[in-house]
Amino acid sequence: MPRVGLSKTDVVAAGAQLADEVGYGNLALGPLATRLGVRTPSLYKHIDSLADLQHCIATLAITELDARTRDAMHGKSGTDALLAFAKAWRQYVVDHPGRYTATIGAVFGGPEDPLLQVSTRMMESSEAVLRGYGIAETDMVHALRMLRCTFHGFATLQVSDGFQWTGGTEESFDWMIRFLDRGLSEVGRD
């Protein structure tokens, strides 16, 4: 019997928090059940499997990331939108490394999958930043991939202590944004 008041939302939120604490690769149903004060079989009243939980965490993470980036860039355009978007993305990864990792390689389960729907919305946020630079539709997919690779790479390296050389990461981050700004401005003029 499931714990009274326990919902799928509770299970997913606790799973996301656990992933942030122990690392996504160490996420397991046994420790999650213990955290929630239930036996492991009770989790199956709310999720189908560990894979289902992981998919739900990916959906939660993209939902949160989209909200953060949209809020940050609201009312901004061009360089200001790019900087706000990038900072919000990076801070989300720093704050929630486990749940962010769930988004990497998450597969859509069909046209009605909430992960596809929120990922589409996130893509629209990214496109809005790029439209501010006048990026042509023919270049949009390339520019979207470039932004994702750049922001993902910087944030995940920062979280994994990948910047151990001298110099502040903030300076490097600001330099990267200025570089992207110049490059996007140039491509938008073509």
C-alpha atoms as a PDB file:
ATOM      1  CA  MET A   1       0.000   0.000   0.000  1.00  0.00           C
ATOM      2  CA  PRO A   2       1.451   3.389  -0.955  1.00  0.00           C
ATOM      3  CA  ARG A   3       2.147   5.926   1.784  1.00  0.00           C
ATOM      4  CA  VAL A   4      -0.902   8.077   2.339  1.00  0.00           C
ATOM      5  CA  GLY A   5      -0.533  11.296   0.401  1.00  0.00           C
ATOM      6  CA  LEU A   6       2.399  10.084  -1.695  1.00  0.00           C
ATOM      7  CA  SER A   7       1.960  10.987  -5.365  1.00  0.00           C
ATOM      8  CA  LYS A   8       3.864  10.522  -8.582  1.00  0.00           C
ATOM      9  CA  THR A   9       4.883  14.172  -8.335  1.00  0.00           C
ATOM     10  CA  ASP A  10       6.378  13.492  -4.895  1.00  0.00           C
ATOM     11  CA  VAL A  11       8.254  10.446  -6.160  1.00  0.00           C
ATOM     12  CA  VAL A  12       9.682  12.310  -9.151  1.00  0.00           C
ATOM     13  CA  ALA A  13      10.661  15.341  -7.042  1.00  0.00           C
ATOM     14  CA  ALA A  14      12.402  13.127  -4.484  1.00  0.00           C
ATOM     15  CA  GLY A  15      14.115  11.201  -7.292  1.00  0.00           C
ATOM     16  CA  ALA A  16      15.342  14.455  -8.851  1.00  0.00           C
ATOM     17  CA  GLN A  17      16.673  15.657  -5.506  1.00  0.00           C
ATOM     18  CA  LEU A  18      18.397  12.323  -4.922  1.00  0.00           C
ATOM     19  CA  ALA A  19      19.960  12.461  -8.406  1.00  0.00           C
ATOM     20  CA  ASP A  20      21.306  15.929  -7.617  1.00  0.00           C
ATOM     21  CA  GLU A  21      22.822  14.675  -4.365  1.00  0.00           C
ATOM     22  CA  VAL A  22      24.299  11.302  -5.377  1.00  0.00           C
ATOM     23  CA  GLY A  23      24.699  11.772  -9.124  1.00  0.00           C
ATOM     24  CA  TYR A  24      22.358  10.663 -11.858  1.00  0.00           C
ATOM     25  CA  GLY A  25      24.354   7.505 -12.520  1.00  0.00           C
ATOM     26  CA  ASN A  26      23.860   6.442  -8.898  1.00  0.00           C
ATOM     27  CA  LEU A  27      20.096   6.948  -8.856  1.00  0.00           C
ATOM     28  CA  ALA A  28      18.381   3.770  -7.655  1.00  0.00           C
ATOM     29  CA  LEU A  29      14.894   2.878  -6.474  1.00  0.00           C
ATOM     30  CA  GLY A  30      15.980   1.365  -3.129  1.00  0.00           C
ATOM     31  CA  PRO A  31      17.492   4.569  -1.718  1.00  0.00           C
ATOM     32  CA  LEU A  32      14.595   6.560  -3.157  1.00  0.00           C
ATOM     33  CA  ALA A  33      12.078   4.346  -1.358  1.00  0.00           C
ATOM     34  CA  THR A  34      14.023   4.745   1.880  1.00  0.00           C
ATOM     35  CA  ARG A  35      14.008   8.510   1.477  1.00  0.00           C
ATOM     36  CA  LEU A  36      10.246   8.475   0.959  1.00  0.00           C
ATOM     37  CA  GLY A  37       9.651   6.111   3.896  1.00  0.00           C
ATOM     38  CA  VAL A  38       8.175   3.312   1.788  1.00  0.00           C
ATOM     39  CA  ARG A  39       9.269  -0.078   0.570  1.00  0.00           C
ATOM     40  CA  THR A  40      10.649  -0.264  -2.964  1.00  0.00           C
ATOM     41  CA  PRO A  41       7.621  -2.148  -4.403  1.00  0.00           C
ATOM     42  CA  SER A  42       5.406   0.746  -3.261  1.00  0.00           C
ATOM     43  CA  LEU A  43       7.118   3.007  -5.790  1.00  0.00           C
ATOM     44  CA  TYR A  44       5.550   0.961  -8.597  1.00  0.00           C
ATOM     45  CA  LYS A  45       2.175   2.425  -7.669  1.00  0.00           C
ATOM     46  CA  HIS A  46       3.529   5.718  -9.019  1.00  0.00           C
ATOM     47  CA  ILE A  47       6.186   4.839 -11.609  1.00  0.00           C
ATOM     48  CA  ASP A  48       6.632   1.882 -13.953  1.00  0.00           C
ATOM     49  CA  SER A  49      10.386   1.439 -13.567  1.00  0.00           C
ATOM     50  CA  LEU A  50      13.685   3.206 -12.988  1.00  0.00           C
ATOM     51  CA  ALA A  51      13.628   4.136 -16.691  1.00  0.00           C
ATOM     52  CA  ASP A  52      10.189   5.714 -16.216  1.00  0.00           C
ATOM     53  CA  LEU A  53      11.477   7.677 -13.220  1.00  0.00           C
ATOM     54  CA  GLN A  54      14.483   8.846 -15.234  1.00  0.00           C
ATOM     55  CA  HIS A  55      12.200   9.990 -18.067  1.00  0.00           C
ATOM     56  CA  CYS A  56      10.022  11.870 -15.593  1.00  0.00           C
ATOM     57  CA  ILE A  57      13.093  13.524 -14.054  1.00  0.00           C
ATOM     58  CA  ALA A  58      14.228  14.591 -17.542  1.00  0.00           C
ATOM     59  CA  THR A  59      10.794  16.124 -18.143  1.00  0.00           C
ATOM     60  CA  LEU A  60      10.924  17.925 -14.803  1.00  0.00           C
ATOM     61  CA  ALA A  61      14.423  19.214 -15.512  1.00  0.00           C
ATOM     62  CA  ILE A  62      13.574  20.587 -18.964  1.00  0.00           C
ATOM     63  CA  THR A  63      10.429  22.176 -17.521  1.00  0.00           C
ATOM     64  CA  GLU A  64      12.452  23.880 -14.796  1.00  0.00           C
ATOM     65  CA  LEU A  65      15.259  24.881 -17.164  1.00  0.00           C
ATOM     66  CA  ASP A  66      12.790  26.336 -19.646  1.00  0.00           C
ATOM     67  CA  ALA A  67      11.056  28.353 -16.912  1.00  0.00           C
ATOM     68  CA  ARG A  68      14.379  29.656 -15.633  1.00  0.00           C
ATOM     69  CA  THR A  69      15.687  30.695 -19.025  1.00  0.00           C
ATOM     70  CA  ARG A  70      12.380  32.267 -20.094  1.00  0.00           C
ATOM     71  CA  ASP A  71      12.126  34.240 -16.860  1.00  0.00           C
ATOM     72  CA  ALA A  72      15.724  35.404 -17.164  1.00  0.00           C
ATOM     73  CA  MET A  73      15.431  36.660 -20.733  1.00  0.00           C
ATOM     74  CA  HIS A  74      11.927  38.116 -20.436  1.00  0.00           C
ATOM     75  CA  GLY A  75      11.879  41.543 -22.078  1.00  0.00           C
ATOM     76  CA  LYS A  76      15.447  41.241 -23.348  1.00  0.00           C
ATOM     77  CA  SER A  77      16.867  40.848 -26.838  1.00  0.00           C
ATOM     78  CA  GLY A  78      20.207  40.485 -28.570  1.00  0.00           C
ATOM     79  CA  THR A  79      23.241  40.366 -26.306  1.00  0.00           C
ATOM     80  CA  ASP A  80      21.170  40.878 -23.159  1.00  0.00           C
ATOM     81  CA  ALA A  81      18.916  37.924 -23.998  1.00  0.00           C
ATOM     82  CA  LEU A  82      21.893  35.728 -24.854  1.00  0.00           C
ATOM     83  CA  LEU A  83      23.646  36.563 -21.596  1.00  0.00           C
ATOM     84  CA  ALA A  84      20.519  36.066 -19.497  1.00  0.00           C
ATOM     85  CA  PHE A  85      19.728  32.774 -21.219  1.00  0.00           C
ATOM     86  CA  ALA A  86      23.295  31.473 -20.827  1.00  0.00           C
ATOM     87  CA  LYS A  87      23.580  32.497 -17.169  1.00  0.00           C
ATOM     88  CA  ALA A  88      20.244  30.906 -16.311  1.00  0.00           C
ATOM     89  CA  TRP A  89      21.223  27.684 -18.109  1.00  0.00           C
ATOM     90  CA  ARG A  90      24.594  27.515 -16.360  1.00  0.00           C
ATOM     91  CA  GLN A  91      23.127  28.244 -12.934  1.00  0.00           C
ATOM     92  CA  TYR A  92      20.496  25.545 -13.389  1.00  0.00           C
ATOM     93  CA  VAL A  93      23.180  22.958 -14.158  1.00  0.00           C
ATOM     94  CA  VAL A  94      25.209  24.099 -11.144  1.00  0.00           C
ATOM     95  CA  ASP A  95      22.136  23.932  -8.889  1.00  0.00           C
ATOM     96  CA  HIS A  96      20.772  20.645 -10.275  1.00  0.00           C
ATOM     97  CA  PRO A  97      23.539  18.566 -11.882  1.00  0.00           C
ATOM     98  CA  GLY A  98      21.802  15.209 -11.433  1.00  0.00           C
ATOM     99  CA  ARG A  99      18.463  16.117 -12.882  1.00  0.00           C
ATOM    100  CA  TYR A 100      20.146  18.052 -15.711  1.00  0.00           C
ATOM    101  CA  THR A 101      22.111  14.917 -16.604  1.00  0.00           C
ATOM    102  CA  ALA A 102      18.771  13.126 -17.026  1.00  0.00           C
ATOM    103  CA  THR A 103      18.054  15.361 -20.014  1.00  0.00           C
ATOM    104  CA  ILE A 104      21.106  14.222 -21.977  1.00  0.00           C
ATOM    105  CA  GLY A 105      20.013  11.630 -24.495  1.00  0.00           C
ATOM    106  CA  ALA A 106      16.477  11.349 -23.103  1.00  0.00           C
ATOM    107  CA  VAL A 107      14.311   9.786 -25.822  1.00  0.00           C
ATOM    108  CA  PHE A 108      10.824  11.003 -26.684  1.00  0.00           C
ATOM    109  CA  GLY A 109       8.088   8.398 -26.284  1.00  0.00           C
ATOM    110  CA  GLY A 110       5.837   9.743 -29.002  1.00  0.00           C
ATOM    111  CA  PRO A 111       3.956  12.885 -30.003  1.00  0.00           C
ATOM    112  CA  GLU A 112       2.033  13.068 -26.715  1.00  0.00           C
ATOM    113  CA  ASP A 113       5.119  12.684 -24.521  1.00  0.00           C
ATOM    114  CA  PRO A 114       5.353  15.612 -22.062  1.00  0.00           C
ATOM    115  CA  LEU A 115       9.138  15.560 -22.548  1.00  0.00           C
ATOM    116  CA  LEU A 116       8.693  16.294 -26.257  1.00  0.00           C
ATOM    117  CA  GLN A 117       6.237  19.079 -25.500  1.00  0.00           C
ATOM    118  CA  VAL A 118       8.438  20.855 -22.975  1.00  0.00           C
ATOM    119  CA  SER A 119      11.557  20.276 -25.099  1.00  0.00           C
ATOM    120  CA  THR A 120       9.773  21.964 -27.996  1.00  0.00           C
ATOM    121  CA  ARG A 121       8.994  24.908 -25.738  1.00  0.00           C
ATOM    122  CA  MET A 122      12.642  25.072 -24.642  1.00  0.00           C
ATOM    123  CA  MET A 123      13.696  25.040 -28.285  1.00  0.00           C
ATOM    124  CA  GLU A 124      11.385  27.979 -28.918  1.00  0.00           C
ATOM    125  CA  SER A 125      13.141  29.915 -26.142  1.00  0.00           C
ATOM    126  CA  SER A 126      16.492  29.202 -27.764  1.00  0.00           C
ATOM    127  CA  GLU A 127      15.152  30.222 -31.162  1.00  0.00           C
ATOM    128  CA  ALA A 128      13.905  33.501 -29.689  1.00  0.00           C
ATOM    129  CA  VAL A 129      17.451  34.348 -28.606  1.00  0.00           C
ATOM    130  CA  LEU A 130      18.762  33.547 -32.076  1.00  0.00           C
ATOM    131  CA  ARG A 131      16.026  35.443 -33.885  1.00  0.00           C
ATOM    132  CA  GLY A 132      17.227  38.546 -32.041  1.00  0.00           C
ATOM    133  CA  TYR A 133      20.418  38.192 -34.067  1.00  0.00           C
ATOM    134  CA  GLY A 134      18.614  37.725 -37.365  1.00  0.00           C
ATOM    135  CA  ILE A 135      19.715  34.105 -37.753  1.00  0.00           C
ATOM    136  CA  ALA A 136      18.165  32.716 -40.937  1.00  0.00           C
ATOM    137  CA  GLU A 137      15.889  29.672 -40.745  1.00  0.00           C
ATOM    138  CA  THR A 138      18.392  27.766 -42.887  1.00  0.00           C
ATOM    139  CA  ASP A 139      21.024  28.277 -40.165  1.00  0.00           C
ATOM    140  CA  MET A 140      18.728  27.845 -37.169  1.00  0.00           C
ATOM    141  CA  VAL A 141      19.369  24.168 -36.442  1.00  0.00           C
ATOM    142  CA  HIS A 142      23.135  24.724 -36.592  1.00  0.00           C
ATOM    143  CA  ALA A 143      22.931  27.759 -34.320  1.00  0.00           C
ATOM    144  CA  LEU A 144      20.693  25.892 -31.854  1.00  0.00           C
ATOM    145  CA  ARG A 145      23.164  23.019 -31.655  1.00  0.00           C
ATOM    146  CA  MET A 146      26.036  25.447 -31.199  1.00  0.00           C
ATOM    147  CA  LEU A 147      24.285  27.164 -28.274  1.00  0.00           C
ATOM    148  CA  ARG A 148      23.424  23.867 -26.612  1.00  0.00           C
ATOM    149  CA  CYS A 149      26.941  22.497 -27.012  1.00  0.00           C
ATOM    150  CA  THR A 150      28.495  25.692 -25.710  1.00  0.00           C
ATOM    151  CA  PHE A 151      26.257  26.205 -22.678  1.00  0.00           C
ATOM    152  CA  HIS A 152      26.122  22.500 -21.846  1.00  0.00           C
ATOM    153  CA  GLY A 153      29.867  22.115 -22.181  1.00  0.00           C
ATOM    154  CA  PHE A 154      30.763  25.091 -20.024  1.00  0.00           C
ATOM    155  CA  ALA A 155      28.250  24.256 -17.293  1.00  0.00           C
ATOM    156  CA  THR A 156      29.041  20.551 -17.064  1.00  0.00           C
ATOM    157  CA  LEU A 157      32.782  21.247 -16.999  1.00  0.00           C
ATOM    158  CA  GLN A 158      32.209  23.764 -14.220  1.00  0.00           C
ATOM    159  CA  VAL A 159      30.112  21.299 -12.191  1.00  0.00           C
ATOM    160  CA  SER A 160      32.692  18.545 -12.575  1.00  0.00           C
ATOM    161  CA  ASP A 161      35.541  20.875 -11.506  1.00  0.00           C
ATOM    162  CA  GLY A 162      36.909  20.820 -15.017  1.00  0.00           C
ATOM    163  CA  PHE A 163      38.356  24.343 -14.835  1.00  0.00           C
ATOM    164  CA  GLN A 164      41.414  23.997 -12.641  1.00  0.00           C
ATOM    165  CA  TRP A 165      43.803  26.330 -14.413  1.00  0.00           C
ATOM    166  CA  THR A 166      44.405  29.852 -13.237  1.00  0.00           C
ATOM    167  CA  GLY A 167      41.904  32.555 -13.991  1.00  0.00           C
ATOM    168  CA  GLY A 168      38.325  32.954 -12.928  1.00  0.00           C
ATOM    169  CA  THR A 169      35.536  31.041 -14.612  1.00  0.00           C
ATOM    170  CA  GLU A 170      33.401  34.185 -14.600  1.00  0.00           C
ATOM    171  CA  GLU A 171      35.913  35.944 -16.810  1.00  0.00           C
ATOM    172  CA  SER A 172      35.986  32.957 -19.158  1.00  0.00           C
ATOM    173  CA  PHE A 173      32.195  32.789 -19.219  1.00  0.00           C
ATOM    174  CA  ASP A 174      31.887  36.491 -20.046  1.00  0.00           C
ATOM    175  CA  TRP A 175      34.563  36.127 -22.754  1.00  0.00           C
ATOM    176  CA  MET A 176      32.646  33.181 -24.230  1.00  0.00           C
ATOM    177  CA  ILE A 177      29.406  35.187 -24.335  1.00  0.00           C
ATOM    178  CA  ARG A 178      31.142  38.137 -26.036  1.00  0.00           C
ATOM    179  CA  PHE A 179      32.638  35.708 -28.564  1.00  0.00           C
ATOM    180  CA  LEU A 180      29.239  34.128 -29.259  1.00  0.00           C
ATOM    181  CA  ASP A 181      27.648  37.561 -29.509  1.00  0.00           C
ATOM    182  CA  ARG A 182      30.132  38.669 -32.153  1.00  0.00           C
ATOM    183  CA  GLY A 183      29.796  35.426 -34.084  1.00  0.00           C
ATOM    184  CA  LEU A 184      26.005  35.435 -34.016  1.00  0.00           C
ATOM    185  CA  SER A 185      25.943  39.103 -35.020  1.00  0.00           C
ATOM    186  CA  GLU A 186      28.178  38.320 -37.995  1.00  0.00           C
ATOM    187  CA  VAL A 187      26.100  35.324 -39.117  1.00  0.00           C
ATOM    188  CA  GLY A 188      22.905  37.359 -38.711  1.00  0.00           C
ATOM    189  CA  ARG A 189      24.260  40.009 -41.105  1.00  0.00           C
ATOM    190  CA  ASP A 190      24.995  37.445 -43.845  1.00  0.00           C
END
